C-alpha atoms as a PDB file:
ATOM      1  CA  MET A   1      97.422  99.261  68.679  1.00  0.00           C
ATOM      2  CA  LYS A   2      95.450 101.174  71.139  1.00  0.00           C
ATOM      3  CA  ILE A   3      96.756 101.745  74.796  1.00  0.00           C
ATOM      4  CA  LEU A   4      95.298 102.917  78.026  1.00  0.00           C
ATOM      5  CA  LEU A   5      97.170 103.903  80.926  1.00  0.00           C
ATOM      6  CA  VAL A   6      95.652 103.711  84.206  1.00  0.00           C
ATOM      7  CA  ARG A   7      97.681 105.968  86.703  1.00  0.00           C
ATOM      8  CA  VAL A   8      95.545 108.191  88.668  1.00  0.00           C
ATOM      9  CA  SER A   9      97.519 109.523  91.334  1.00  0.00           C
ATOM     10  CA  SER A  10      99.862 111.544  93.872  1.00  0.00           C
ATOM     11  CA  LEU A  11     101.696 113.951  92.045  1.00  0.00           C
ATOM     12  CA  GLY A  12     105.421 111.942  92.294  1.00  0.00           C
ATOM     13  CA  ASP A  13     103.410 108.502  90.999  1.00  0.00           C
ATOM     14  CA  VAL A  14     101.954 110.109  88.087  1.00  0.00           C
ATOM     15  CA  LEU A  15     105.235 111.238  87.310  1.00  0.00           C
ATOM     16  CA  HIS A  16     107.098 108.760  87.239  1.00  0.00           C
ATOM     17  CA  ASN A  17     104.622 106.288  85.409  1.00  0.00           C
ATOM     18  CA  MET A  18     105.341 109.255  82.226  1.00  0.00           C
ATOM     19  CA  PRO A  19     108.668 107.016  80.922  1.00  0.00           C
ATOM     20  CA  ILE A  20     106.459 104.209  80.034  1.00  0.00           C
ATOM     21  CA  VAL A  21     104.742 106.566  76.896  1.00  0.00           C
ATOM     22  CA  ALA A  22     108.217 107.174  75.298  1.00  0.00           C
ATOM     23  CA  ASP A  23     108.896 103.290  75.805  1.00  0.00           C
ATOM     24  CA  ILE A  24     105.536 102.359  74.007  1.00  0.00           C
ATOM     25  CA  ALA A  25     106.549 105.136  71.222  1.00  0.00           C
ATOM     26  CA  ARG A  26     109.670 103.697  70.546  1.00  0.00           C
ATOM     27  CA  HIS A  27     108.675 100.135  70.118  1.00  0.00           C
ATOM     28  CA  TYR A  28     105.491 100.913  68.780  1.00  0.00           C
ATOM     29  CA  PRO A  29     105.400 104.796  67.002  1.00  0.00           C
ATOM     30  CA  ASP A  30     101.542 104.231  65.781  1.00  0.00           C
ATOM     31  CA  ALA A  31     100.735 103.040  69.038  1.00  0.00           C
ATOM     32  CA  GLN A  32      97.495 105.532  70.256  1.00  0.00           C
ATOM     33  CA  ILE A  33      97.950 105.957  74.010  1.00  0.00           C
ATOM     34  CA  ASP A  34      95.535 107.456  76.894  1.00  0.00           C
ATOM     35  CA  TRP A  35      95.617 108.068  80.147  1.00  0.00           C
ATOM     36  CA  VAL A  36      93.400 107.865  83.198  1.00  0.00           C
ATOM     37  CA  VAL A  37      94.574 110.743  86.266  1.00  0.00           C
ATOM     38  CA  GLU A  38      92.992 112.303  88.763  1.00  0.00           C
ATOM     39  CA  GLU A  39      91.441 116.126  87.449  1.00  0.00           C
ATOM     40  CA  GLY A  40      94.223 117.663  89.165  1.00  0.00           C
ATOM     41  CA  TYR A  41      97.439 116.158  87.510  1.00  0.00           C
ATOM     42  CA  VAL A  42      96.068 116.626  84.436  1.00  0.00           C
ATOM     43  CA  SER A  43      98.106 119.520  83.306  1.00  0.00           C
ATOM     44  CA  LEU A  44     101.092 117.395  83.545  1.00  0.00           C
ATOM     45  CA  VAL A  45     100.126 114.676  81.987  1.00  0.00           C
ATOM     46  CA  ARG A  46      99.081 117.130  79.205  1.00  0.00           C
ATOM     47  CA  LEU A  47     103.239 118.207  78.621  1.00  0.00           C
ATOM     48  CA  ASN A  48     103.599 114.946  77.175  1.00  0.00           C
ATOM     49  CA  GLY A  49     102.884 115.255  73.469  1.00  0.00           C
ATOM     50  CA  ARG A  50     102.925 111.559  72.780  1.00  0.00           C
ATOM     51  CA  VAL A  51      99.867 110.822  75.194  1.00  0.00           C
ATOM     52  CA  ARG A  52      96.429 111.359  72.617  1.00  0.00           C
ATOM     53  CA  ASN A  53      93.607 111.500  74.862  1.00  0.00           C
ATOM     54  CA  ILE A  54      93.744 112.066  78.504  1.00  0.00           C
ATOM     55  CA  ILE A  55      90.529 111.189  80.554  1.00  0.00           C
ATOM     56  CA  PRO A  56      89.925 112.739  84.045  1.00  0.00           C
ATOM     57  CA  PHE A  57      89.352 111.018  87.479  1.00  0.00           C
ATOM     58  CA  ALA A  58      87.935 112.955  90.189  1.00  0.00           C
ATOM     59  CA  LEU A  59      87.754 110.882  92.806  1.00  0.00           C
ATOM     60  CA  ARG A  60      89.249 113.398  95.457  1.00  0.00           C
ATOM     61  CA  ARG A  61      85.929 116.031  94.402  1.00  0.00           C
ATOM     62  CA  TRP A  62      83.498 113.450  94.026  1.00  0.00           C
ATOM     63  CA  ARG A  63      83.680 111.502  97.443  1.00  0.00           C
ATOM     64  CA  LYS A  64      82.866 114.813  99.250  1.00  0.00           C
ATOM     65  CA  SER A  65      79.568 115.252  97.665  1.00  0.00           C
ATOM     66  CA  LEU A  66      78.599 111.526  96.703  1.00  0.00           C
ATOM     67  CA  GLY A  67      74.686 112.315  96.937  1.00  0.00           C
ATOM     68  CA  ASN A  68      74.878 114.966  94.720  1.00  0.00           C
ATOM     69  CA  PRO A  69      72.801 115.100  91.558  1.00  0.00           C
ATOM     70  CA  ALA A  70      75.480 116.693  89.946  1.00  0.00           C
ATOM     71  CA  THR A  71      78.451 114.496  90.922  1.00  0.00           C
ATOM     72  CA  ARG A  72      76.439 111.153  89.982  1.00  0.00           C
ATOM     73  CA  ALA A  73      76.319 112.760  86.352  1.00  0.00           C
ATOM     74  CA  GLU A  74      79.274 113.604  86.861  1.00  0.00           C
ATOM     75  CA  ILE A  75      80.741 109.973  87.630  1.00  0.00           C
ATOM     76  CA  LYS A  76      78.523 108.434  84.923  1.00  0.00           C
ATOM     77  CA  ALA A  77      80.208 110.799  82.117  1.00  0.00           C
ATOM     78  CA  PHE A  78      83.018 109.244  83.486  1.00  0.00           C
ATOM     79  CA  PHE A  79      82.355 105.846  83.256  1.00  0.00           C
ATOM     80  CA  ARG A  80      81.125 106.797  79.634  1.00  0.00           C
ATOM     81  CA  THR A  81      83.729 108.342  78.007  1.00  0.00           C
ATOM     82  CA  LEU A  82      85.934 105.586  79.137  1.00  0.00           C
ATOM     83  CA  ARG A  83      84.050 102.633  77.616  1.00  0.00           C
ATOM     84  CA  ALA A  84      83.810 104.914  74.906  1.00  0.00           C
ATOM     85  CA  GLU A  85      86.789 103.192  73.135  1.00  0.00           C
ATOM     86  CA  ARG A  86      88.167  99.647  72.954  1.00  0.00           C
ATOM     87  CA  TYR A  87      91.949  99.052  73.965  1.00  0.00           C
ATOM     88  CA  ASP A  88      93.991  96.196  72.858  1.00  0.00           C
ATOM     89  CA  TYR A  89      95.956  96.696  76.097  1.00  0.00           C
ATOM     90  CA  VAL A  90      94.970  98.644  79.404  1.00  0.00           C
ATOM     91  CA  PHE A  91      97.743  99.282  82.297  1.00  0.00           C
ATOM     92  CA  ASP A  92      96.872  99.642  85.845  1.00  0.00           C
ATOM     93  CA  THR A  93     100.382 100.724  87.328  1.00  0.00           C
ATOM     94  CA  GLN A  94      99.079 101.605  90.460  1.00  0.00           C
ATOM     95  CA  GLY A  95      97.760  98.728  91.847  1.00  0.00           C
ATOM     96  CA  LEU A  96      94.737  99.303  94.048  1.00  0.00           C
ATOM     97  CA  LEU A  97      91.223  98.906  93.785  1.00  0.00           C
ATOM     98  CA  LYS A  98      90.120 101.725  92.412  1.00  0.00           C
ATOM     99  CA  THR A  99      92.039 101.727  89.522  1.00  0.00           C
ATOM    100  CA  GLY A 100      91.645  97.924  89.322  1.00  0.00           C
ATOM    101  CA  ILE A 101      87.851  99.411  89.225  1.00  0.00           C
ATOM    102  CA  ILE A 102      88.806 101.962  86.286  1.00  0.00           C
ATOM    103  CA  MET A 103      90.130  98.723  84.333  1.00  0.00           C
ATOM    104  CA  GLY A 104      87.507  96.847  85.115  1.00  0.00           C
ATOM    105  CA  ALA A 105      85.334  99.095  83.526  1.00  0.00           C
ATOM    106  CA  ALA A 106      87.104  99.947  80.690  1.00  0.00           C
ATOM    107  CA  ARG A 107      86.809  97.763  77.285  1.00  0.00           C
ATOM    108  CA  VAL A 108      88.968  95.832  75.482  1.00  0.00           C
ATOM    109  CA  VAL A 109      89.225  94.697  71.838  1.00  0.00           C
ATOM    110  CA  LYS A 110      88.707  90.762  71.257  1.00  0.00           C
ATOM    111  CA  GLY A 111      91.901  88.968  72.263  1.00  0.00           C
ATOM    112  CA  GLY A 112      93.478  92.422  74.273  1.00  0.00           C
ATOM    113  CA  GLN A 113      94.591  92.058  77.718  1.00  0.00           C
ATOM    114  CA  LYS A 114      94.329  94.020  81.476  1.00  0.00           C
ATOM    115  CA  VAL A 115      97.543  93.995  82.796  1.00  0.00           C
ATOM    116  CA  GLY A 116      99.084  95.128  86.349  1.00  0.00           C
ATOM    117  CA  LEU A 117     100.900  94.538  89.012  1.00  0.00           C
ATOM    118  CA  ALA A 118     101.047  90.931  90.772  1.00  0.00           C
ATOM    119  CA  ASN A 119     103.283  92.625  94.170  1.00  0.00           C
ATOM    120  CA  GLY A 120     103.458  95.250  95.580  1.00  0.00           C
ATOM    121  CA  SER A 121     106.826  97.145  96.712  1.00  0.00           C
ATOM    122  CA  GLU A 122     107.840  97.729  99.679  1.00  0.00           C
ATOM    123  CA  GLY A 123     106.128 100.123 101.474  1.00  0.00           C
ATOM    124  CA  SER A 124     103.601 100.303  99.069  1.00  0.00           C
ATOM    125  CA  GLY A 125      99.941 100.891  99.321  1.00  0.00           C
ATOM    126  CA  TYR A 126      99.222  97.940  96.541  1.00  0.00           C
ATOM    127  CA  GLU A 127      95.899  96.235  97.076  1.00  0.00           C
ATOM    128  CA  GLY A 128      96.124  92.635  96.058  1.00  0.00           C
ATOM    129  CA  ILE A 129      92.718  92.461  95.240  1.00  0.00           C
ATOM    130  CA  SER A 130      93.277  94.753  92.370  1.00  0.00           C
ATOM    131  CA  ARG A 131      94.425  91.790  90.254  1.00  0.00           C
ATOM    132  CA  LEU A 132      91.151  90.638  90.615  1.00  0.00           C
ATOM    133  CA  PHE A 133      90.774  92.849  86.978  1.00  0.00           C
ATOM    134  CA  HIS A 134      93.686  91.626  85.616  1.00  0.00           C
ATOM    135  CA  THR A 135      94.107  89.045  82.571  1.00  0.00           C
ATOM    136  CA  LYS A 136      97.689  88.917  83.244  1.00  0.00           C
ATOM    137  CA  SER A 137      99.559  89.785  86.448  1.00  0.00           C
ATOM    138  CA  ILE A 138     103.430  91.023  86.616  1.00  0.00           C
ATOM    139  CA  PRO A 139     105.723  90.039  89.418  1.00  0.00           C
ATOM    140  CA  LEU A 140     108.188  92.191  89.969  1.00  0.00           C
ATOM    141  CA  ASP A 141     111.343  92.668  92.689  1.00  0.00           C
ATOM    142  CA  PRO A 142     109.885  94.386  95.711  1.00  0.00           C
ATOM    143  CA  ARG A 143     112.585  96.714  95.950  1.00  0.00           C
ATOM    144  CA  THR A 144     112.384  97.804  91.886  1.00  0.00           C
ATOM    145  CA  HIS A 145     112.716 101.204  91.376  1.00  0.00           C
ATOM    146  CA  ALA A 146     109.218 103.519  90.973  1.00  0.00           C
ATOM    147  CA  VAL A 147     109.955 104.563  87.458  1.00  0.00           C
ATOM    148  CA  ALA A 148     111.114 101.216  86.346  1.00  0.00           C
ATOM    149  CA  ARG A 149     107.873  99.553  87.752  1.00  0.00           C
ATOM    150  CA  GLY A 150     106.038 100.617  85.497  1.00  0.00           C
ATOM    151  CA  ARG A 151     108.220 100.501  83.041  1.00  0.00           C
ATOM    152  CA  LEU A 152     108.929  96.863  83.547  1.00  0.00           C
ATOM    153  CA  VAL A 153     105.226  95.677  83.556  1.00  0.00           C
ATOM    154  CA  VAL A 154     104.289  96.943  79.801  1.00  0.00           C
ATOM    155  CA  GLY A 155     107.670  96.295  78.379  1.00  0.00           C
ATOM    156  CA  THR A 156     107.041  92.449  79.607  1.00  0.00           C
ATOM    157  CA  ALA A 157     103.775  92.611  78.309  1.00  0.00           C
ATOM    158  CA  LEU A 158     104.757  94.389  74.897  1.00  0.00           C
ATOM    159  CA  GLY A 159     107.560  92.522  74.577  1.00  0.00           C
ATOM    160  CA  TYR A 160     110.660  94.726  74.804  1.00  0.00           C
ATOM    161  CA  LEU A 161     111.974  94.046  78.508  1.00  0.00           C
ATOM    162  CA  ALA A 162     115.322  94.480  78.288  1.00  0.00           C
ATOM    163  CA  ASP A 163     114.834  97.943  76.536  1.00  0.00           C
ATOM    164  CA  ALA A 164     112.873  99.072  79.877  1.00  0.00           C
ATOM    165  CA  ALA A 165     115.491  97.701  81.834  1.00  0.00           C
ATOM    166  CA  GLY A 166     118.322  98.956  80.158  1.00  0.00           C
ATOM    167  CA  THR A 167     117.672 102.348  78.611  1.00  0.00           C
ATOM    168  CA  PRO A 168     117.400 105.794  80.765  1.00  0.00           C
ATOM    169  CA  ALA A 169     113.956 107.353  81.626  1.00  0.00           C
ATOM    170  CA  ASP A 170     112.804 109.442  78.805  1.00  0.00           C
ATOM    171  CA  PHE A 171     109.697 111.768  80.794  1.00  0.00           C
ATOM    172  CA  GLY A 172     108.596 113.284  77.625  1.00  0.00           C
ATOM    173  CA  LEU A 173     108.812 116.805  78.722  1.00  0.00           C
ATOM    174  CA  PRO A 174     109.380 119.613  76.497  1.00  0.00           C
ATOM    175  CA  ALA A 175     113.385 121.947  77.327  1.00  0.00           C
ATOM    176  CA  VAL A 176     112.863 125.216  78.840  1.00  0.00           C
ATOM    177  CA  SER A 177     113.115 127.319  75.775  1.00  0.00           C
ATOM    178  CA  PRO A 178     114.831 131.365  76.511  1.00  0.00           C
ATOM    179  CA  SER A 179     111.844 132.670  74.581  1.00  0.00           C
ATOM    180  CA  ASP A 180     109.480 131.188  77.488  1.00  0.00           C
ATOM    181  CA  ALA A 181     107.011 133.479  78.531  1.00  0.00           C
ATOM    182  CA  ARG A 182     107.526 133.722  82.667  1.00  0.00           C
ATOM    183  CA  PRO A 183     104.662 134.634  84.924  1.00  0.00           C
ATOM    184  CA  GLU A 184     105.120 138.166  87.285  1.00  0.00           C
ATOM    185  CA  TRP A 185     105.933 135.799  90.417  1.00  0.00           C
ATOM    186  CA  MET A 186     109.190 134.818  88.622  1.00  0.00           C
ATOM    187  CA  PRO A 187     111.833 136.279  88.334  1.00  0.00           C
ATOM    188  CA  ALA A 188     113.891 137.203  85.269  1.00  0.00           C
ATOM    189  CA  GLY A 189     116.964 136.204  86.006  1.00  0.00           C
ATOM    190  CA  PRO A 190     118.248 132.967  87.895  1.00  0.00           C
ATOM    191  CA  TYR A 191     116.826 131.104  91.491  1.00  0.00           C
ATOM    192  CA  VAL A 192     117.081 128.740  93.772  1.00  0.00           C
ATOM    193  CA  VAL A 193     113.850 126.698  94.458  1.00  0.00           C
ATOM    194  CA  TYR A 194     113.299 125.122  98.104  1.00  0.00           C
ATOM    195  CA  PHE A 195     110.999 122.392  97.645  1.00  0.00           C
ATOM    196  CA  HIS A 196     111.337 122.200 101.803  1.00  0.00           C
ATOM    197  CA  GLY A 197     107.050 121.366 102.090  1.00  0.00           C
ATOM    198  CA  THR A 198     105.634 117.431 102.268  1.00  0.00           C
ATOM    199  CA  ALA A 199     102.804 115.996 103.934  1.00  0.00           C
ATOM    200  CA  ARG A 200     105.386 113.854 106.344  1.00  0.00           C
ATOM    201  CA  ASP A 201     106.751 115.863 109.105  1.00  0.00           C
ATOM    202  CA  ALA A 202     109.286 113.022 109.208  1.00  0.00           C
ATOM    203  CA  LYS A 203     110.769 113.167 105.941  1.00  0.00           C
ATOM    204  CA  LYS A 204     111.574 117.183 106.223  1.00  0.00           C
ATOM    205  CA  TRP A 205     114.974 118.597 106.445  1.00  0.00           C
ATOM    206  CA  ALA A 206     115.262 120.559 110.000  1.00  0.00           C
ATOM    207  CA  PRO A 207     114.804 124.561 109.338  1.00  0.00           C
ATOM    208  CA  ALA A 208     118.080 125.642 110.346  1.00  0.00           C
ATOM    209  CA  SER A 209     119.811 123.440 108.060  1.00  0.00           C
ATOM    210  CA  TRP A 210     117.638 124.598 104.842  1.00  0.00           C
ATOM    211  CA  ILE A 211     118.705 128.286 106.694  1.00  0.00           C
ATOM    212  CA  GLU A 212     122.473 127.615 106.228  1.00  0.00           C
ATOM    213  CA  LEU A 213     121.941 126.571 103.235  1.00  0.00           C
ATOM    214  CA  GLY A 214     120.227 129.725 102.271  1.00  0.00           C
ATOM    215  CA  ALA A 215     122.881 131.696 103.891  1.00  0.00           C
ATOM    216  CA  ALA A 216     125.670 130.323 101.855  1.00  0.00           C
ATOM    217  CA  LEU A 217     123.399 130.793  98.749  1.00  0.00           C
ATOM    218  CA  ALA A 218     123.611 133.844  98.678  1.00  0.00           C
ATOM    219  CA  PRO A 219     122.807 136.383  97.056  1.00  0.00           C
ATOM    220  CA  MET A 220     120.719 134.174  94.221  1.00  0.00           C
ATOM    221  CA  THR A 221     117.158 134.485  95.297  1.00  0.00           C
ATOM    222  CA  ILE A 222     115.581 131.587  97.238  1.00  0.00           C
ATOM    223  CA  LEU A 223     111.517 130.836  96.187  1.00  0.00           C
ATOM    224  CA  LEU A 224     109.836 129.533  98.663  1.00  0.00           C
ATOM    225  CA  PRO A 225     106.699 127.345  97.331  1.00  0.00           C
ATOM    226  CA  TRP A 226     104.480 126.161  99.823  1.00  0.00           C
ATOM    227  CA  GLY A 227     101.071 123.911  99.246  1.00  0.00           C
ATOM    228  CA  SER A 228      98.712 124.525 102.694  1.00  0.00           C
ATOM    229  CA  PRO A 229      98.560 126.727 105.967  1.00  0.00           C
ATOM    230  CA  LYS A 230     101.474 124.909 107.458  1.00  0.00           C
ATOM    231  CA  GLU A 231     103.601 125.257 104.747  1.00  0.00           C
ATOM    232  CA  LYS A 232     102.993 128.772 104.590  1.00  0.00           C
ATOM    233  CA  ALA A 233     103.378 129.537 107.714  1.00  0.00           C
ATOM    234  CA  GLU A 234     107.400 127.545 107.408  1.00  0.00           C
ATOM    235  CA  ALA A 235     107.889 129.310 104.287  1.00  0.00           C
ATOM    236  CA  GLU A 236     107.584 132.773 105.987  1.00  0.00           C
ATOM    237  CA  ALA A 237     109.600 131.506 108.713  1.00  0.00           C
ATOM    238  CA  LEU A 238     112.373 130.419 106.413  1.00  0.00           C
ATOM    239  CA  ALA A 239     112.034 133.730 104.721  1.00  0.00           C
ATOM    240  CA  ALA A 240     112.191 135.833 107.837  1.00  0.00           C
ATOM    241  CA  SER A 241     116.175 134.137 108.320  1.00  0.00           C
ATOM    242  CA  LEU A 242     117.011 135.031 104.855  1.00  0.00           C
ATOM    243  CA  PRO A 243     116.764 138.392 103.130  1.00  0.00           C
ATOM    244  CA  HIS A 244     117.184 137.099  99.300  1.00  0.00           C
ATOM    245  CA  ALA A 245     114.344 134.267 100.119  1.00  0.00           C
ATOM    246  CA  ARG A 246     110.935 135.180  99.048  1.00  0.00           C
ATOM    247  CA  VAL A 247     107.503 133.653  99.501  1.00  0.00           C
ATOM    248  CA  LEU A 248     105.691 132.875  96.405  1.00  0.00           C
ATOM    249  CA  PRO A 249     102.021 133.417  96.014  1.00  0.00           C
ATOM    250  CA  LYS A 250     100.183 130.046  96.342  1.00  0.00           C
ATOM    251  CA  LEU A 251     100.312 127.992  92.729  1.00  0.00           C
ATOM    252  CA  SER A 252      98.254 125.956  90.555  1.00  0.00           C
ATOM    253  CA  MET A 253      99.726 122.966  89.579  1.00  0.00           C
ATOM    254  CA  ALA A 254     100.772 124.271  86.116  1.00  0.00           C
ATOM    255  CA  ASP A 255     102.491 127.125  87.966  1.00  0.00           C
ATOM    256  CA  ALA A 256     104.498 124.616  90.195  1.00  0.00           C
ATOM    257  CA  VAL A 257     105.573 122.322  86.822  1.00  0.00           C
ATOM    258  CA  LEU A 258     107.016 126.291  85.501  1.00  0.00           C
ATOM    259  CA  LEU A 259     108.814 126.919  89.259  1.00  0.00           C
ATOM    260  CA  ALA A 260     110.571 123.318  88.675  1.00  0.00           C
ATOM    261  CA  ARG A 261     111.156 124.023  85.531  1.00  0.00           C
ATOM    262  CA  HIS A 262     112.838 127.085  84.706  1.00  0.00           C
ATOM    263  CA  ALA A 263     115.158 127.071  88.180  1.00  0.00           C
ATOM    264  CA  ALA A 264     118.466 127.072  87.945  1.00  0.00           C
ATOM    265  CA  LEU A 265     118.526 124.655  90.771  1.00  0.00           C
ATOM    266  CA  ALA A 266     116.358 122.733  93.073  1.00  0.00           C
ATOM    267  CA  VAL A 267     116.779 121.283  95.998  1.00  0.00           C
ATOM    268  CA  GLY A 268     113.777 119.431  97.920  1.00  0.00           C
ATOM    269  CA  VAL A 269     112.684 116.649 100.194  1.00  0.00           C
ATOM    270  CA  ASP A 270     111.895 113.306  99.089  1.00  0.00           C
ATOM    271  CA  THR A 271     108.103 115.289  97.564  1.00  0.00           C
ATOM    272  CA  GLY A 272     106.201 115.075  93.840  1.00  0.00           C
ATOM    273  CA  LEU A 273     107.833 118.883  93.003  1.00  0.00           C
ATOM    274  CA  THR A 274     111.188 117.740  93.933  1.00  0.00           C
ATOM    275  CA  HIS A 275     110.796 114.746  91.213  1.00  0.00           C
ATOM    276  CA  ILE A 276     109.330 116.794  88.860  1.00  0.00           C
ATOM    277  CA  ALA A 277     112.167 119.510  88.577  1.00  0.00           C
ATOM    278  CA  ALA A 278     114.400 115.873  88.358  1.00  0.00           C
ATOM    279  CA  ALA A 279     112.425 114.983  85.700  1.00  0.00           C
ATOM    280  CA  PHE A 280     112.874 118.122  83.364  1.00  0.00           C
ATOM    281  CA  THR A 281     116.827 117.509  84.056  1.00  0.00           C
ATOM    282  CA  THR A 282     116.809 121.023  86.677  1.00  0.00           C
ATOM    283  CA  PRO A 283     119.774 120.537  88.654  1.00  0.00           C
ATOM    284  CA  THR A 284     118.078 119.283  91.596  1.00  0.00           C
ATOM    285  CA  VAL A 285     119.850 117.869  95.143  1.00  0.00           C
ATOM    286  CA  GLU A 286     117.147 115.736  96.311  1.00  0.00           C
ATOM    287  CA  ILE A 287     116.986 115.269 100.144  1.00  0.00           C
ATOM    288  CA  TYR A 288     116.662 111.977 101.603  1.00  0.00           C
ATOM    289  CA  ALA A 289     115.441 112.228 105.817  1.00  0.00           C
ATOM    290  CA  ASP A 290     112.740 109.318 106.167  1.00  0.00           C
ATOM    291  CA  SER A 291     112.090 107.562 103.059  1.00  0.00           C
ATOM    292  CA  PRO A 292     114.032 104.993 101.190  1.00  0.00           C
ATOM    293  CA  ARG A 293     116.544 106.274  98.506  1.00  0.00           C
ATOM    294  CA  TRP A 294     116.035 103.636  96.508  1.00  0.00           C
ATOM    295  CA  LYS A 295     113.135 103.711  95.258  1.00  0.00           C
ATOM    296  CA  THR A 296     112.340 107.220  93.812  1.00  0.00           C
ATOM    297  CA  GLU A 297     116.083 108.607  93.262  1.00  0.00           C
ATOM    298  CA  GLY A 298     116.630 110.713  90.499  1.00  0.00           C
ATOM    299  CA  ASN A 299     118.508 107.914  88.673  1.00  0.00           C
ATOM    300  CA  TRP A 300     118.547 109.449  84.373  1.00  0.00           C
ATOM    301  CA  SER A 301     120.726 112.652  84.656  1.00  0.00           C
ATOM    302  CA  PRO A 302     123.991 113.788  86.145  1.00  0.00           C
ATOM    303  CA  LYS A 303     122.101 116.751  86.809  1.00  0.00           C
ATOM    304  CA  ILE A 304     120.676 115.279  89.911  1.00  0.00           C
ATOM    305  CA  ILE A 305     122.666 114.493  92.705  1.00  0.00           C
ATOM    306  CA  ASN A 306     121.022 112.244  95.152  1.00  0.00           C
ATOM    307  CA  LEU A 307     121.894 112.394  99.362  1.00  0.00           C
ATOM    308  CA  GLY A 308     120.413 111.083 102.838  1.00  0.00           C
ATOM    309  CA  ASP A 309     118.583 108.001 103.736  1.00  0.00           C
ATOM    310  CA  ARG A 310     115.805 106.478 105.935  1.00  0.00           C
ATOM    311  CA  GLY A 311     117.068 107.700 109.030  1.00  0.00           C
ATOM    312  CA  ALA A 312     119.872 109.837 107.530  1.00  0.00           C
ATOM    313  CA  PRO A 313     119.448 113.114 106.432  1.00  0.00           C
ATOM    314  CA  PRO A 314     122.494 114.359 105.002  1.00  0.00           C
ATOM    315  CA  SER A 315     124.428 117.027 106.451  1.00  0.00           C
ATOM    316  CA  VAL A 316     124.308 121.325 104.919  1.00  0.00           C
ATOM    317  CA  ALA A 317     127.997 120.500 104.209  1.00  0.00           C
ATOM    318  CA  GLU A 318     126.949 117.715 101.896  1.00  0.00           C
ATOM    319  CA  VAL A 319     124.180 119.855  99.673  1.00  0.00           C
ATOM    320  CA  LEU A 320     126.193 123.041  99.967  1.00  0.00           C
ATOM    321  CA  ALA A 321     129.177 120.372  98.113  1.00  0.00           C
ATOM    322  CA  ALA A 322     126.270 119.609  95.823  1.00  0.00           C
ATOM    323  CA  ALA A 323     124.668 122.724  94.947  1.00  0.00           C
ATOM    324  CA  ARG A 324     127.685 124.185  94.120  1.00  0.00           C
ATOM    325  CA  ALA A 325     129.100 121.662  91.643  1.00  0.00           C
ATOM    326  CA  LEU A 326     125.408 122.203  89.940  1.00  0.00           C
ATOM    327  CA  LEU A 327     125.312 125.147  90.123  1.00  0.00           C
ATOM    328  CA  GLY A 328     128.849 126.445  88.819  1.00  0.00           C
ATOM    329  CA  PRO A 329     129.365 129.688  87.620  1.00  0.00           C
ATOM    330  CA  LEU A 330     126.130 130.817  88.754  1.00  0.00           C
ATOM    331  CA  LEU A 331     127.196 130.999  92.351  1.00  0.00           C
ATOM    332  CA  PRO A 332     129.794 133.633  93.471  1.00  0.00           C
ATOM    333  CA  VAL A 333     132.837 132.101  94.752  1.00  0.00           C
ATOM    334  CA  ARG A 334     132.931 134.276  98.814  1.00  0.00           C
END
């Protein structure tokens, strides 16, 4: 069986799609699974050894130069690669016009199916026009968890719905090994990472709360990544109040994944890198301040503690108690 997954963005959504691969492999061990994804997330999908081919999609870059002959040539090459294979199933688990167009362009064998979402979840950017490209649309409860949505769509189409609903999510990510090489910017010993940045200010936790938490976690090293000049300035402001905190250099996606993977503890708001840490089952405290916890909370491991909810961010005391529970003997008693 040949299967194509279409889930192009964003970081958290791509990550939440990954358990589909393990589900398929568990029921169809010989299945060949390909994936269309935004080029910036190829390094993440590549970590899942069960994915045969990754087809990079570069709309974010292409749309800045659509009149450029080189860009048009890249787009033609993308569709040529997409159409080089005939699939038994094509799954669009994102439900947007752009992913529907990709699904529409993909080729299937005689009797093959193109399967997608019949409806969006609460607050999603679902575009109903995407159904035009389906041969089968799967309806789901609008309050279905982000990880479960894709798993249930694929499980329904392939005939293992009960398993998709009841088996813990397996992201297919490699376990950390003591022999893994560490980049120069990564400490040799245990560290805490703050995933403090996110595009929407309302989802952030108050700077004073990060500082109070960091003071309580001393002397453990705290690493502060950033993804934009604004987030860098915020990281520098936190580090100015926490002598044991360090602002990291600009990281590639691959390095950001390493950062999440090797942390002794990740504390973060509702953002892609926090969810990556949770997917690796790194001890993780997920902080919800202005997004619904039911939608993306890490519910597949006891090493993940989810706190707060929309309009009700957690207190420093709650986050610190969770951090202490997860760190255990790594955090000195004071």
